[in-house]
Amino acid sequence: MEISVDSLETPALTKAQLADMLYQQIGLNKRESKDMIEAFFDLITQSLVDGNDVKISGFGNFQIRTKSARPGRNPRTGEVIPIAARRVVTFHASHKLKDLIQGENPKSIE
């Protein structure tokens, strides 16, 4: 199955555009397409909120990282400002995705 994003007007791929691609290329109706995309992202979001990492084989890993509190600095005034501890999401692309981006032909892409 070939998914084409040539018709995108902006460099960002939106959930609405993903749902439209499901509608056009797979044949789901528009409501099912929208619901499937929403459910997919809700699952990923909830998993990350719960503190679980998300691995999408052949694409990459979303990981939760806890950053400690640290002193920061206002670049305009030079004033020291404390930065609170927080959790952040990081993304690491899989080797397959990295190879595709570099134009290499990975052995097994399905």
N, C-alpha and C. Protein backbone atom coordinates (compact mmCIF):
# COMPACT_ATOMS: atom_id res chain seq x y z
N MET A 1 0.84 -1.18 0.00
CA MET A 1 0.00 0.00 0.00
C MET A 1 0.89 1.24 0.00
N GLU A 2 0.70 2.11 -0.94
CA GLU A 2 1.48 3.34 -1.07
C GLU A 2 0.65 4.50 -0.55
N ILE A 3 1.20 5.26 0.40
CA ILE A 3 0.52 6.44 0.92
C ILE A 3 1.27 7.65 0.40
N SER A 4 0.57 8.51 -0.29
CA SER A 4 1.19 9.68 -0.89
C SER A 4 0.81 10.93 -0.12
N VAL A 5 1.80 11.76 0.16
CA VAL A 5 1.55 13.02 0.83
C VAL A 5 1.94 14.20 -0.06
N ASP A 6 2.00 13.96 -1.37
CA ASP A 6 2.41 14.99 -2.31
C ASP A 6 1.43 16.16 -2.36
N SER A 7 0.17 15.92 -2.04
CA SER A 7 -0.84 16.96 -2.19
C SER A 7 -0.93 17.87 -0.97
N LEU A 8 -0.10 17.67 0.03
CA LEU A 8 -0.18 18.50 1.22
C LEU A 8 0.26 19.93 0.90
N GLU A 9 -0.51 20.89 1.39
CA GLU A 9 -0.19 22.29 1.13
C GLU A 9 0.84 22.82 2.13
N THR A 10 0.88 22.25 3.33
CA THR A 10 1.81 22.69 4.35
C THR A 10 2.78 21.56 4.65
N PRO A 11 3.93 21.88 5.21
CA PRO A 11 4.89 20.82 5.51
C PRO A 11 4.45 19.93 6.69
N ALA A 12 3.45 20.34 7.44
CA ALA A 12 2.97 19.55 8.57
C ALA A 12 1.89 18.58 8.10
N LEU A 13 1.91 17.39 8.65
CA LEU A 13 0.88 16.39 8.36
C LEU A 13 -0.10 16.40 9.53
N THR A 14 -1.35 16.75 9.27
CA THR A 14 -2.34 16.89 10.34
C THR A 14 -3.17 15.61 10.50
N LYS A 15 -3.86 15.53 11.65
CA LYS A 15 -4.74 14.38 11.88
C LYS A 15 -5.86 14.35 10.85
N ALA A 16 -6.35 15.51 10.45
CA ALA A 16 -7.41 15.57 9.44
C ALA A 16 -6.90 15.02 8.10
N GLN A 17 -5.66 15.32 7.76
CA GLN A 17 -5.09 14.80 6.51
C GLN A 17 -4.88 13.30 6.60
N LEU A 18 -4.45 12.80 7.76
CA LEU A 18 -4.31 11.35 7.94
C LEU A 18 -5.66 10.66 7.78
N ALA A 19 -6.69 11.22 8.40
CA ALA A 19 -8.03 10.63 8.30
C ALA A 19 -8.50 10.64 6.85
N ASP A 20 -8.21 11.71 6.12
CA ASP A 20 -8.61 11.79 4.72
C ASP A 20 -7.87 10.74 3.88
N MET A 21 -6.60 10.49 4.20
CA MET A 21 -5.85 9.45 3.49
C MET A 21 -6.44 8.07 3.75
N LEU A 22 -6.86 7.80 4.98
CA LEU A 22 -7.51 6.53 5.29
C LEU A 22 -8.80 6.40 4.47
N TYR A 23 -9.55 7.48 4.40
CA TYR A 23 -10.79 7.49 3.64
C TYR A 23 -10.53 7.20 2.16
N GLN A 24 -9.56 7.89 1.57
CA GLN A 24 -9.30 7.78 0.14
C GLN A 24 -8.60 6.48 -0.24
N GLN A 25 -7.62 6.06 0.55
CA GLN A 25 -6.76 4.97 0.11
C GLN A 25 -7.14 3.61 0.68
N ILE A 26 -7.84 3.59 1.80
CA ILE A 26 -8.21 2.30 2.38
C ILE A 26 -9.70 2.02 2.20
N GLY A 27 -10.50 3.09 2.09
CA GLY A 27 -11.91 2.90 1.84
C GLY A 27 -12.79 2.99 3.07
N LEU A 28 -12.22 3.37 4.22
CA LEU A 28 -13.06 3.58 5.39
C LEU A 28 -13.92 4.82 5.15
N ASN A 29 -15.09 4.88 5.80
CA ASN A 29 -15.85 6.11 5.64
C ASN A 29 -15.20 7.21 6.48
N LYS A 30 -15.60 8.45 6.23
CA LYS A 30 -14.92 9.59 6.87
C LYS A 30 -15.01 9.54 8.39
N ARG A 31 -16.14 9.14 8.92
CA ARG A 31 -16.31 9.08 10.37
C ARG A 31 -15.41 8.01 10.98
N GLU A 32 -15.36 6.84 10.36
CA GLU A 32 -14.49 5.75 10.84
C GLU A 32 -13.03 6.17 10.77
N SER A 33 -12.64 6.85 9.70
CA SER A 33 -11.26 7.30 9.54
C SER A 33 -10.87 8.26 10.65
N LYS A 34 -11.74 9.24 10.90
CA LYS A 34 -11.47 10.23 11.95
C LYS A 34 -11.41 9.55 13.31
N ASP A 35 -12.35 8.65 13.59
CA ASP A 35 -12.36 7.95 14.88
C ASP A 35 -11.12 7.08 15.07
N MET A 36 -10.65 6.44 13.99
CA MET A 36 -9.47 5.59 14.08
C MET A 36 -8.22 6.41 14.40
N ILE A 37 -8.07 7.54 13.74
CA ILE A 37 -6.92 8.42 13.99
C ILE A 37 -6.98 8.95 15.42
N GLU A 38 -8.15 9.40 15.85
CA GLU A 38 -8.30 9.91 17.22
C GLU A 38 -7.98 8.83 18.25
N ALA A 39 -8.48 7.62 18.03
CA ALA A 39 -8.24 6.52 18.96
C ALA A 39 -6.75 6.18 19.02
N PHE A 40 -6.09 6.19 17.87
CA PHE A 40 -4.66 5.90 17.81
C PHE A 40 -3.87 6.90 18.65
N PHE A 41 -4.11 8.19 18.45
CA PHE A 41 -3.38 9.20 19.19
C PHE A 41 -3.79 9.25 20.66
N ASP A 42 -5.05 8.96 20.97
CA ASP A 42 -5.49 8.89 22.37
C ASP A 42 -4.76 7.77 23.10
N LEU A 43 -4.59 6.63 22.44
CA LEU A 43 -3.86 5.51 23.03
C LEU A 43 -2.41 5.88 23.33
N ILE A 44 -1.76 6.50 22.38
CA ILE A 44 -0.37 6.91 22.58
C ILE A 44 -0.28 7.95 23.69
N THR A 45 -1.16 8.94 23.65
CA THR A 45 -1.15 10.00 24.66
C THR A 45 -1.37 9.44 26.05
N GLN A 46 -2.38 8.58 26.21
CA GLN A 46 -2.68 8.04 27.53
C GLN A 46 -1.54 7.18 28.05
N SER A 47 -0.91 6.43 27.19
CA SER A 47 0.22 5.60 27.59
C SER A 47 1.37 6.48 28.09
N LEU A 48 1.64 7.58 27.40
CA LEU A 48 2.71 8.48 27.82
C LEU A 48 2.35 9.20 29.12
N VAL A 49 1.10 9.62 29.26
CA VAL A 49 0.65 10.28 30.49
C VAL A 49 0.78 9.33 31.68
N ASP A 50 0.53 8.04 31.45
CA ASP A 50 0.65 7.04 32.51
C ASP A 50 2.11 6.70 32.83
N GLY A 51 3.05 7.27 32.06
CA GLY A 51 4.46 7.05 32.33
C GLY A 51 5.07 5.89 31.56
N ASN A 52 4.33 5.34 30.60
CA ASN A 52 4.83 4.22 29.80
C ASN A 52 5.45 4.73 28.50
N ASP A 53 6.54 4.12 28.09
CA ASP A 53 7.13 4.43 26.80
C ASP A 53 6.31 3.77 25.70
N VAL A 54 6.36 4.34 24.50
CA VAL A 54 5.61 3.80 23.36
C VAL A 54 6.60 3.47 22.25
N LYS A 55 6.58 2.21 21.80
CA LYS A 55 7.45 1.78 20.70
C LYS A 55 6.58 1.42 19.51
N ILE A 56 6.83 2.05 18.38
CA ILE A 56 6.14 1.74 17.14
C ILE A 56 7.20 1.13 16.22
N SER A 57 7.12 -0.17 16.04
CA SER A 57 8.13 -0.92 15.30
C SER A 57 8.30 -0.35 13.90
N GLY A 58 9.53 -0.13 13.52
CA GLY A 58 9.84 0.40 12.20
C GLY A 58 9.69 1.90 12.10
N PHE A 59 9.25 2.56 13.17
CA PHE A 59 9.08 4.01 13.16
C PHE A 59 9.94 4.67 14.21
N GLY A 60 9.75 4.28 15.50
CA GLY A 60 10.57 4.86 16.55
C GLY A 60 9.97 4.68 17.92
N ASN A 61 10.61 5.29 18.91
CA ASN A 61 10.19 5.19 20.30
C ASN A 61 9.90 6.56 20.88
N PHE A 62 8.79 6.67 21.57
CA PHE A 62 8.46 7.84 22.36
C PHE A 62 8.76 7.46 23.81
N GLN A 63 9.60 8.25 24.47
CA GLN A 63 9.99 7.92 25.83
C GLN A 63 9.71 9.09 26.76
N ILE A 64 9.32 8.76 28.00
CA ILE A 64 9.13 9.76 29.04
C ILE A 64 10.45 9.92 29.78
N ARG A 65 10.88 11.14 29.94
CA ARG A 65 12.11 11.42 30.66
C ARG A 65 11.80 12.44 31.75
N THR A 66 12.32 12.21 32.95
CA THR A 66 12.11 13.13 34.06
C THR A 66 13.33 14.04 34.17
N LYS A 67 13.09 15.33 34.07
CA LYS A 67 14.18 16.30 34.19
C LYS A 67 14.14 16.92 35.58
N SER A 68 15.30 17.04 36.19
CA SER A 68 15.41 17.62 37.53
C SER A 68 15.24 19.13 37.47
N ALA A 69 14.92 19.69 38.64
CA ALA A 69 14.87 21.15 38.75
C ALA A 69 16.29 21.68 38.58
N ARG A 70 16.40 22.87 37.98
CA ARG A 70 17.72 23.44 37.77
C ARG A 70 17.61 24.95 37.66
N PRO A 71 18.70 25.63 37.90
CA PRO A 71 18.66 27.09 37.73
C PRO A 71 18.75 27.45 36.25
N GLY A 72 17.96 28.42 35.85
CA GLY A 72 18.00 28.92 34.48
C GLY A 72 18.37 30.39 34.51
N ARG A 73 18.43 30.99 33.36
CA ARG A 73 18.81 32.39 33.30
C ARG A 73 17.99 33.08 32.22
N ASN A 74 17.44 34.25 32.56
CA ASN A 74 16.73 35.07 31.59
C ASN A 74 17.78 35.67 30.66
N PRO A 75 17.74 35.34 29.37
CA PRO A 75 18.79 35.82 28.46
C PRO A 75 18.79 37.34 28.28
N ARG A 76 17.65 37.96 28.48
CA ARG A 76 17.57 39.41 28.29
C ARG A 76 18.17 40.17 29.48
N THR A 77 17.83 39.71 30.71
CA THR A 77 18.25 40.44 31.90
C THR A 77 19.41 39.78 32.64
N GLY A 78 19.64 38.49 32.37
CA GLY A 78 20.69 37.77 33.08
C GLY A 78 20.23 37.29 34.45
N GLU A 79 18.97 37.56 34.80
CA GLU A 79 18.43 37.17 36.10
C GLU A 79 18.31 35.65 36.20
N VAL A 80 18.69 35.10 37.37
CA VAL A 80 18.59 33.66 37.60
C VAL A 80 17.13 33.32 37.92
N ILE A 81 16.60 32.34 37.19
CA ILE A 81 15.21 31.92 37.36
C ILE A 81 15.20 30.41 37.55
N PRO A 82 14.54 29.91 38.59
CA PRO A 82 14.51 28.45 38.78
C PRO A 82 13.60 27.79 37.73
N ILE A 83 14.06 26.67 37.18
CA ILE A 83 13.27 25.87 36.25
C ILE A 83 12.81 24.64 37.03
N ALA A 84 11.50 24.44 37.11
CA ALA A 84 10.92 23.36 37.91
C ALA A 84 11.20 22.00 37.28
N ALA A 85 11.17 20.98 38.11
CA ALA A 85 11.29 19.60 37.62
C ALA A 85 10.08 19.31 36.75
N ARG A 86 10.29 18.49 35.72
CA ARG A 86 9.18 18.19 34.82
C ARG A 86 9.46 16.91 34.06
N ARG A 87 8.39 16.39 33.47
CA ARG A 87 8.51 15.22 32.60
C ARG A 87 8.41 15.70 31.16
N VAL A 88 9.24 15.14 30.30
CA VAL A 88 9.22 15.51 28.88
C VAL A 88 9.15 14.24 28.04
N VAL A 89 8.66 14.39 26.82
CA VAL A 89 8.60 13.28 25.87
C VAL A 89 9.73 13.46 24.88
N THR A 90 10.48 12.39 24.65
CA THR A 90 11.51 12.40 23.63
C THR A 90 11.15 11.37 22.56
N PHE A 91 11.62 11.61 21.35
CA PHE A 91 11.39 10.67 20.26
C PHE A 91 12.72 10.26 19.68
N HIS A 92 12.90 8.96 19.49
CA HIS A 92 14.10 8.43 18.84
C HIS A 92 13.63 7.60 17.64
N ALA A 93 14.05 8.01 16.47
CA ALA A 93 13.66 7.31 15.24
C ALA A 93 14.31 5.94 15.18
N SER A 94 13.60 4.98 14.59
CA SER A 94 14.16 3.64 14.39
C SER A 94 15.22 3.69 13.29
N HIS A 95 16.03 2.64 13.23
CA HIS A 95 17.05 2.57 12.17
C HIS A 95 16.40 2.53 10.79
N LYS A 96 15.25 1.86 10.67
CA LYS A 96 14.55 1.81 9.38
C LYS A 96 14.15 3.20 8.92
N LEU A 97 13.58 3.99 9.84
CA LEU A 97 13.16 5.35 9.50
C LEU A 97 14.37 6.21 9.16
N LYS A 98 15.43 6.09 9.93
CA LYS A 98 16.65 6.86 9.65
C LYS A 98 17.20 6.51 8.27
N ASP A 99 17.21 5.23 7.93
CA ASP A 99 17.69 4.80 6.62
C ASP A 99 16.83 5.37 5.50
N LEU A 100 15.51 5.35 5.67
CA LEU A 100 14.62 5.90 4.66
C LEU A 100 14.86 7.39 4.45
N ILE A 101 15.05 8.11 5.56
CA ILE A 101 15.29 9.55 5.47
C ILE A 101 16.59 9.84 4.74
N GLN A 102 17.59 8.98 4.94
CA GLN A 102 18.88 9.16 4.28
C GLN A 102 18.87 8.67 2.84
N GLY A 103 17.77 8.06 2.42
CA GLY A 103 17.65 7.60 1.04
C GLY A 103 18.20 6.21 0.82
N GLU A 104 18.53 5.53 1.91
CA GLU A 104 19.03 4.16 1.81
C GLU A 104 17.85 3.22 1.71
N ASN A 105 18.08 2.02 1.18
CA ASN A 105 17.03 1.04 1.01
C ASN A 105 17.15 -0.03 2.09
N PRO A 106 16.36 0.08 3.20
CA PRO A 106 16.44 -0.94 4.24
C PRO A 106 15.99 -2.29 3.70
N LYS A 107 16.49 -3.34 4.33
CA LYS A 107 16.25 -4.71 3.84
C LYS A 107 14.79 -5.09 3.84
N SER A 108 14.05 -4.81 4.92
CA SER A 108 12.67 -5.30 4.99
C SER A 108 11.71 -4.20 5.39
N ILE A 109 11.18 -3.52 4.39
CA ILE A 109 10.12 -2.52 4.62
C ILE A 109 8.85 -3.07 4.04
N GLU A 110 7.82 -3.11 4.88
CA GLU A 110 6.54 -3.67 4.42
C GLU A 110 5.49 -2.61 4.41
